[in-house]
Amino acid sequence: MSYKVMMGNGTEQMIRFDPAEFKNLKVWNVSFDNGQKAMLYKLGNEWMQHNESELDSNSLLTIGKQIDHSLTEG
């Protein structure tokens, strides 16, 4: 799924996220139009990122909300 989101630094980017599994945990692999990649997962109501991902907290929350929204409309 591809979406345009407003990142924490104020820029708008196209992102693509795909569900996957990592160590028995449901994750979302996120790819950005600039080539950056991140792995996100949710613990309870809080969105987290894999320790090798380097998203700022605002971008993490924005992308997490977009994933939640896409799951509820899907």
Protein backbone atom coordinates (compact mmCIF):
# COMPACT_ATOMS: atom_id res chain seq x y z
CA MET A 1 0.00 0.00 0.00
CA SER A 2 1.35 3.44 -0.89
CA TYR A 3 0.36 6.66 0.84
CA LYS A 4 1.47 10.28 0.90
CA VAL A 5 2.20 11.44 4.45
CA MET A 6 3.47 14.63 6.08
CA MET A 7 6.70 13.78 7.88
CA GLY A 8 7.86 15.26 11.20
CA ASN A 9 10.29 17.59 9.41
CA GLY A 10 7.41 19.18 7.45
CA THR A 11 8.07 17.44 4.12
CA GLU A 12 5.53 15.33 2.32
CA GLN A 13 6.71 11.90 1.20
CA MET A 14 5.28 8.86 -0.51
CA ILE A 15 5.64 5.78 1.64
CA ARG A 16 4.84 2.16 1.03
CA PHE A 17 4.24 -0.28 3.85
CA ASP A 18 3.78 -4.00 3.73
CA PRO A 19 2.88 -6.34 6.60
CA ALA A 20 5.44 -8.97 7.53
CA GLU A 21 6.53 -11.11 10.46
CA PHE A 22 9.78 -10.76 12.40
CA LYS A 23 10.58 -13.08 15.32
CA ASN A 24 6.87 -13.96 15.80
CA LEU A 25 5.93 -10.26 15.83
CA LYS A 26 3.68 -8.60 13.26
CA VAL A 27 5.67 -5.76 11.68
CA TRP A 28 5.32 -3.31 8.80
CA ASN A 29 8.21 -2.77 6.43
CA VAL A 30 8.11 0.87 5.37
CA SER A 31 9.86 2.16 2.24
CA PHE A 32 10.22 5.85 1.44
CA ASP A 33 10.51 7.47 -1.98
CA ASN A 34 14.04 8.61 -1.05
CA GLY A 35 15.19 4.99 -0.54
CA GLN A 36 15.06 5.01 3.28
CA LYS A 37 13.56 1.95 4.95
CA ALA A 38 12.15 1.30 8.41
CA MET A 39 10.50 -1.54 10.29
CA LEU A 40 7.61 -0.61 12.57
CA TYR A 41 5.60 -2.63 15.06
CA LYS A 42 2.93 -1.93 17.60
CA LEU A 43 3.02 -2.80 21.30
CA GLY A 44 -0.42 -2.20 22.75
CA ASN A 45 -1.37 1.26 21.48
CA GLU A 46 2.21 2.49 21.01
CA TRP A 47 4.09 2.41 17.69
CA MET A 48 7.73 1.39 17.93
CA GLN A 49 10.54 1.08 15.39
CA HIS A 50 13.25 -1.49 14.94
CA ASN A 51 16.49 -0.28 16.50
CA GLU A 52 18.13 0.14 13.07
CA SER A 53 15.35 2.46 11.83
CA GLU A 54 16.01 6.17 12.30
CA LEU A 55 12.64 7.90 12.27
CA ASP A 56 11.94 10.90 14.46
CA SER A 57 9.08 10.44 16.92
CA ASN A 58 6.64 12.66 14.96
CA SER A 59 7.21 10.72 11.73
CA LEU A 60 6.87 7.42 13.60
CA LEU A 61 3.50 8.47 15.02
CA THR A 62 2.29 9.86 11.68
CA ILE A 63 3.15 6.67 9.81
CA GLY A 64 1.66 4.54 12.60
CA LYS A 65 -1.61 6.47 12.39
CA GLN A 66 -1.65 5.98 8.61
CA ILE A 67 -1.16 2.23 9.04
CA ASP A 68 -3.95 2.11 11.66
CA HIS A 69 -6.23 4.09 9.33
CA SER A 70 -5.52 1.81 6.37
CA LEU A 71 -6.29 -1.26 8.47
CA THR A 72 -9.66 0.09 9.61
CA GLU A 73 -10.75 1.14 6.11
CA GLY A 74 -9.41 -1.98 4.40
